[in-house]
Each structure stands twice: as C-alpha cells, then as structure tokens.
Amino acid sequence: MDPRVETRRDSYVDVSCELGRALAARLAGDVPVVWGIHHSVLDPRIDKRRTMFVSRACAFLSRKIPTRIVCCSEASHRIHKNLGYPDEKLEVVPNGFDLEEIKPDPAARASVREELSIPPDALVIGIAARFHPYKDHHNFIRAAARLRKQMPEIHFLLCGRDITWQNAQLARWIEAAGIRDRCQLLGVRRDMSRLFAAMDIATTASVSEAFPVAIGEAMACETPCVVTDVGIPP
C-alpha cells in the first residue's frame, strides 16, 4: 500500500472522522483518499437513524473527499450509485481470500468435532455471523427447528460477535425452538477455517449482504453452502 494513500474501510464512514481525515490529507500534500464500502441495502426498519443520516451525508461528501470509492460487490456498487455516489469514482474490488491459510483440512474436521463432543458422522450445519438484525439468526433458528424434527441427530454451530448463551434474546429463540441440546454457541473464533472444515453445510440467513466473507471462506474450505438470495454470493 502506498503510504501516501489514506484509506478507510467501514460499512459507513463517520462524517466528522472523514472530514478530519480529508483535512489531514490536504495538509499532508493533497494525499489521495480512498473509501471502502462493505455494505449494501439500507433499511430504515433495521438501520439506526444515525446510519441513515451518515449514508446520505457520505453520498454528498463522496463528490468532494475521496479520490476513489471501492465497493466489494456489484450489488454494493449499484446501490451506492443510486444513492448519489459518483459513478466515475466507484470501483468494484471483490473480497479476496488467502488460500494458503483457508483451505480444506480433514484433520481439523475430526479435531473440532472431538473438541465440541459432536459425533464424527453427525450432520453439522453452521452459520458464522455477528448478532445483528441483518444476519437474521431468528430465521436460521426457525429453519434449524424444522430440520431437527426430520433429522433428530443434526447439530448446529453458531459463531460470531455476541453469539453466546449470555445473549438472552438468542438463547430464548433457541429454547423456544427446542434445539438447545443441538446448538453450539461459540462466540468470536480465530480459527474459522477449522470450523468450516468441521461443517457439512455452511449457511447464511441474512436479509442483506454485499459480499459475505464467511461464505467465501467456507467455499475455499470446499464446504457446501446454502444461502439466502441477497447481495452477490461469491
């Protein structure tokens, strides 16, 4: 990365922060500023008022501050163009994956199942996503409950920020669905390639995505994926 290029990656950049960055870039000698967008649809029923305001403010500022605006998918590009971001500045650079680090691992499949006390031959379905309305874990749990009725020995792995039994709302959904004994809530993990290797199916239940990194990583591990029809799957 050229040290003269100021970059920012976020779902939506903070306006005051970006103004400060822009000023600093100008004072440093007209340093190019690049924005990175990892977001797609905005929904006032889900997104906070502040997020809606920031997105509109950034659309206005996008004509003045950044030299380039990098979107992680064609869907994100299209949506932000329609929001008023200048098309001549928008570029699509899909998420990339280190295939030396993220790859199939039969040994990890066995070790993770042993670690979590899951039988070697059990069907395991997993979802890697932070707890957020866009990720729609309630949708996943409802589907999991239906599968459990048909396949009593199935297991479910859930991981991500706030995906723990201390999350009262998530725990209530799982209890109400009657699948607590088949769910592992693992929180944030740093060994995702191991977890994907342990799954038979990786999934998302999202109502909106730009480019789901978790699904790209699962595919790199040669784990079959079942996803909702949103955004641009890898």
Protein backbone atom coordinates (compact mmCIF):
# COMPACT_ATOMS: atom_id res chain seq x y z
CA MET A 1 0.00 0.00 0.00
CA ASP A 2 1.36 3.43 -0.97
CA PRO A 3 1.81 5.33 2.35
CA ARG A 4 0.62 8.47 0.61
CA VAL A 5 -2.83 6.98 0.09
CA GLU A 6 -5.23 7.40 3.00
CA THR A 7 -7.71 4.52 3.22
CA ARG A 8 -10.83 3.84 5.24
CA ARG A 9 -12.85 0.61 5.35
CA ASP A 10 -16.22 0.55 7.04
CA SER A 11 -19.89 -0.15 6.46
CA TYR A 12 -20.47 3.59 6.63
CA VAL A 13 -17.78 6.08 7.45
CA ASP A 14 -18.22 8.58 10.26
CA VAL A 15 -18.68 12.03 8.74
CA SER A 16 -16.69 14.01 11.32
CA CYS A 17 -13.88 11.46 11.18
CA GLU A 18 -13.76 11.63 7.39
CA LEU A 19 -13.70 15.42 7.38
CA GLY A 20 -10.74 15.31 9.74
CA ARG A 21 -9.02 12.73 7.56
CA ALA A 22 -9.68 14.81 4.46
CA LEU A 23 -8.21 17.92 6.08
CA ALA A 24 -5.17 15.96 7.25
CA ALA A 25 -4.72 14.58 3.74
CA ARG A 26 -4.84 18.10 2.27
CA LEU A 27 -2.33 19.41 4.81
CA ALA A 28 -0.02 16.49 4.07
CA GLY A 29 0.19 17.49 0.43
CA ASP A 30 -3.08 16.60 -1.23
CA VAL A 31 -2.87 12.90 -0.27
CA PRO A 32 -5.40 10.76 -2.20
CA VAL A 33 -8.23 9.42 -0.03
CA VAL A 34 -9.85 6.05 -0.80
CA TRP A 35 -13.11 4.92 0.78
CA GLY A 36 -14.00 1.25 1.10
CA ILE A 37 -17.67 0.26 1.29
CA HIS A 38 -18.75 -3.10 2.68
CA HIS A 39 -22.49 -2.51 2.83
CA SER A 40 -25.42 -2.89 0.50
CA VAL A 41 -29.10 -2.17 1.20
CA LEU A 42 -30.18 0.40 3.78
CA ASP A 43 -33.46 -0.32 5.55
CA PRO A 44 -34.99 2.29 7.91
CA ARG A 45 -36.77 -0.56 9.72
CA ILE A 46 -33.39 -2.03 10.68
CA ASP A 47 -30.72 0.64 10.37
CA LYS A 48 -30.37 3.32 13.00
CA ARG A 49 -31.33 6.91 12.23
CA ARG A 50 -27.69 7.91 12.52
CA THR A 51 -26.68 5.32 9.92
CA MET A 52 -29.32 6.61 7.51
CA PHE A 53 -28.12 10.18 8.03
CA VAL A 54 -24.45 9.25 7.64
CA SER A 55 -25.14 7.37 4.41
CA ARG A 56 -26.80 10.43 2.87
CA ALA A 57 -24.09 12.76 4.15
CA CYS A 58 -21.41 10.49 2.72
CA ALA A 59 -23.17 10.47 -0.65
CA PHE A 60 -22.81 14.27 -0.69
CA LEU A 61 -19.22 14.23 0.61
CA SER A 62 -18.23 11.49 -1.84
CA ARG A 63 -18.06 14.09 -4.61
CA LYS A 64 -15.52 16.15 -2.70
CA ILE A 65 -13.39 13.96 -0.40
CA PRO A 66 -12.37 10.56 -1.85
CA THR A 67 -10.31 10.06 -4.97
CA ARG A 68 -11.73 6.55 -5.37
CA ILE A 69 -14.52 4.59 -3.68
CA VAL A 70 -14.03 0.82 -3.59
CA CYS A 71 -17.09 -1.45 -3.34
CA CYS A 72 -16.76 -5.13 -2.51
CA SER A 73 -19.52 -6.25 -4.91
CA GLU A 74 -21.53 -5.21 -7.95
CA ALA A 75 -24.63 -5.02 -5.73
CA SER A 76 -22.92 -2.53 -3.42
CA HIS A 77 -21.73 -0.53 -6.45
CA ARG A 78 -25.23 -0.36 -7.93
CA ILE A 79 -26.89 0.63 -4.66
CA HIS A 80 -24.40 3.38 -3.85
CA LYS A 81 -24.53 4.76 -7.36
CA ASN A 82 -28.30 5.06 -6.92
CA LEU A 83 -27.71 6.82 -3.57
CA GLY A 84 -25.79 9.52 -5.41
CA TYR A 85 -22.17 8.39 -5.13
CA PRO A 86 -20.32 9.48 -8.32
CA ASP A 87 -20.09 6.56 -10.71
CA GLU A 88 -16.75 7.74 -12.10
CA LYS A 89 -15.18 7.24 -8.65
CA LEU A 90 -16.75 3.87 -7.88
CA GLU A 91 -14.70 0.73 -8.40
CA VAL A 92 -15.54 -2.91 -7.63
CA VAL A 93 -12.81 -4.95 -5.93
CA PRO A 94 -14.22 -8.27 -4.65
CA ASN A 95 -13.11 -9.60 -1.30
CA GLY A 96 -10.02 -11.78 -1.54
CA PHE A 97 -9.03 -14.89 0.39
CA ASP A 98 -5.67 -16.35 1.38
CA LEU A 99 -5.97 -19.88 0.02
CA GLU A 100 -2.76 -20.89 1.79
CA GLU A 101 -4.48 -20.25 5.12
CA ILE A 102 -8.11 -21.01 4.28
CA LYS A 103 -8.31 -24.48 2.77
CA PRO A 104 -9.78 -27.96 3.28
CA ASP A 105 -8.47 -29.70 6.40
CA PRO A 106 -9.71 -33.25 7.15
CA ALA A 107 -7.73 -33.34 10.40
CA ALA A 108 -9.43 -30.16 11.60
CA ARG A 109 -12.82 -31.68 10.83
CA ALA A 110 -12.10 -34.54 13.24
CA SER A 111 -10.46 -32.39 15.93
CA VAL A 112 -13.21 -29.76 16.05
CA ARG A 113 -15.90 -32.42 16.36
CA GLU A 114 -13.96 -34.05 19.17
CA GLU A 115 -13.49 -30.67 20.88
CA LEU A 116 -17.23 -29.95 20.73
CA SER A 117 -18.36 -33.51 21.51
CA ILE A 118 -20.06 -33.93 18.13
CA PRO A 119 -20.16 -37.47 16.67
CA PRO A 120 -17.89 -37.92 13.63
CA ASP A 121 -20.81 -38.97 11.41
CA ALA A 122 -23.34 -36.33 12.58
CA LEU A 123 -24.68 -33.80 10.08
CA VAL A 124 -23.38 -30.37 11.10
CA ILE A 125 -24.76 -27.08 9.76
CA GLY A 126 -23.04 -23.83 10.72
CA ILE A 127 -23.52 -20.10 10.49
CA ALA A 128 -20.74 -17.55 11.09
CA ALA A 129 -22.21 -14.08 11.61
CA ARG A 130 -22.36 -11.35 14.22
CA PHE A 131 -25.66 -10.92 16.04
CA HIS A 132 -27.48 -8.23 14.05
CA PRO A 133 -30.97 -7.92 12.51
CA TYR A 134 -29.48 -8.09 9.00
CA LYS A 135 -27.99 -11.52 9.78
CA ASP A 136 -31.44 -12.80 10.84
CA HIS A 137 -30.44 -15.51 13.29
CA HIS A 138 -34.12 -15.97 14.14
CA ASN A 139 -34.67 -17.14 10.57
CA PHE A 140 -31.79 -19.61 10.92
CA ILE A 141 -33.15 -20.98 14.20
CA ARG A 142 -36.65 -21.46 12.80
CA ALA A 143 -35.16 -23.42 9.88
CA ALA A 144 -32.96 -25.40 12.28
CA ALA A 145 -36.00 -26.40 14.34
CA ARG A 146 -37.72 -27.76 11.24
CA LEU A 147 -34.63 -29.75 10.28
CA ARG A 148 -34.31 -31.17 13.79
CA LYS A 149 -37.79 -32.68 13.51
CA GLN A 150 -36.73 -34.53 10.36
CA MET A 151 -33.16 -35.36 11.46
CA PRO A 152 -33.00 -35.71 15.26
CA GLU A 153 -29.21 -36.23 15.33
CA ILE A 154 -28.35 -32.99 13.50
CA HIS A 155 -26.03 -30.42 15.13
CA PHE A 156 -25.72 -26.64 14.63
CA LEU A 157 -22.61 -24.46 15.07
CA LEU A 158 -23.12 -20.72 15.53
CA CYS A 159 -20.26 -18.27 15.95
CA GLY A 160 -19.63 -14.54 15.74
CA ARG A 161 -19.81 -11.43 17.89
CA ASP A 162 -22.46 -11.78 20.64
CA ILE A 163 -23.20 -15.38 19.64
CA THR A 164 -23.08 -16.77 23.19
CA TRP A 165 -25.51 -18.14 25.74
CA GLN A 166 -25.23 -14.79 27.53
CA ASN A 167 -27.18 -13.26 24.63
CA ALA A 168 -30.63 -13.52 26.24
CA GLN A 169 -32.63 -12.95 23.06
CA LEU A 170 -30.71 -15.54 21.07
CA ALA A 171 -30.93 -18.03 23.94
CA ARG A 172 -34.71 -17.51 24.17
CA TRP A 173 -35.15 -18.20 20.45
CA ILE A 174 -33.16 -21.41 20.72
CA GLU A 175 -35.01 -22.56 23.84
CA ALA A 176 -38.39 -21.82 22.25
CA ALA A 177 -37.38 -23.80 19.15
CA GLY A 178 -36.48 -26.80 21.30
CA ILE A 179 -32.96 -27.19 19.88
CA ARG A 180 -30.71 -26.11 22.77
CA ASP A 181 -29.14 -29.56 23.03
CA ARG A 182 -28.15 -29.40 19.36
CA CYS A 183 -26.69 -25.87 19.28
CA GLN A 184 -23.13 -24.78 19.98
CA LEU A 185 -22.73 -21.01 20.54
CA LEU A 186 -19.03 -20.30 20.11
CA GLY A 187 -18.72 -16.51 20.13
CA VAL A 188 -15.83 -14.95 18.18
CA ARG A 189 -13.40 -17.54 16.82
CA ARG A 190 -9.97 -17.04 15.27
CA ASP A 191 -9.89 -20.48 13.66
CA MET A 192 -12.68 -20.20 11.12
CA SER A 193 -11.08 -22.50 8.56
CA ARG A 194 -11.10 -25.27 11.21
CA LEU A 195 -14.77 -24.64 11.95
CA PHE A 196 -15.74 -24.59 8.28
CA ALA A 197 -13.86 -27.86 7.82
CA ALA A 198 -15.99 -29.39 10.60
CA MET A 199 -19.26 -28.38 8.93
CA ASP A 200 -21.16 -30.36 6.35
CA ILE A 201 -23.02 -27.21 5.26
CA ALA A 202 -22.25 -23.53 5.85
CA THR A 203 -25.10 -21.09 5.61
CA THR A 204 -26.31 -17.52 5.91
CA ALA A 205 -29.81 -16.38 6.80
CA SER A 206 -29.17 -12.72 6.00
CA VAL A 207 -31.79 -10.32 4.70
CA SER A 208 -29.00 -8.20 3.18
CA GLU A 209 -25.36 -8.77 2.19
CA ALA A 210 -22.82 -7.07 -0.03
CA PHE A 211 -20.29 -9.92 -0.35
CA PRO A 212 -20.47 -12.45 2.52
CA VAL A 213 -16.89 -13.15 3.59
CA ALA A 214 -17.91 -16.16 5.66
CA ILE A 215 -19.37 -17.90 2.62
CA GLY A 216 -16.27 -17.17 0.56
CA GLU A 217 -14.13 -18.72 3.29
CA ALA A 218 -16.40 -21.76 3.56
CA MET A 219 -16.20 -22.29 -0.20
CA ALA A 220 -12.40 -22.05 -0.01
CA CYS A 221 -12.61 -24.91 2.52
CA GLU A 222 -14.75 -26.84 -0.01
CA THR A 223 -17.72 -26.79 2.37
CA PRO A 224 -21.10 -26.77 0.56
CA CYS A 225 -23.10 -23.60 1.19
CA VAL A 226 -26.80 -22.76 1.39
CA VAL A 227 -27.53 -19.03 1.42
CA THR A 228 -30.38 -16.56 1.16
CA ASP A 229 -30.80 -14.85 -2.20
CA VAL A 230 -29.37 -11.45 -1.30
CA GLY A 231 -26.36 -9.43 -2.42
CA ILE A 232 -23.75 -11.10 -4.57
CA PRO A 233 -22.72 -14.52 -3.23
CA PRO A 234 -19.09 -15.49 -4.02
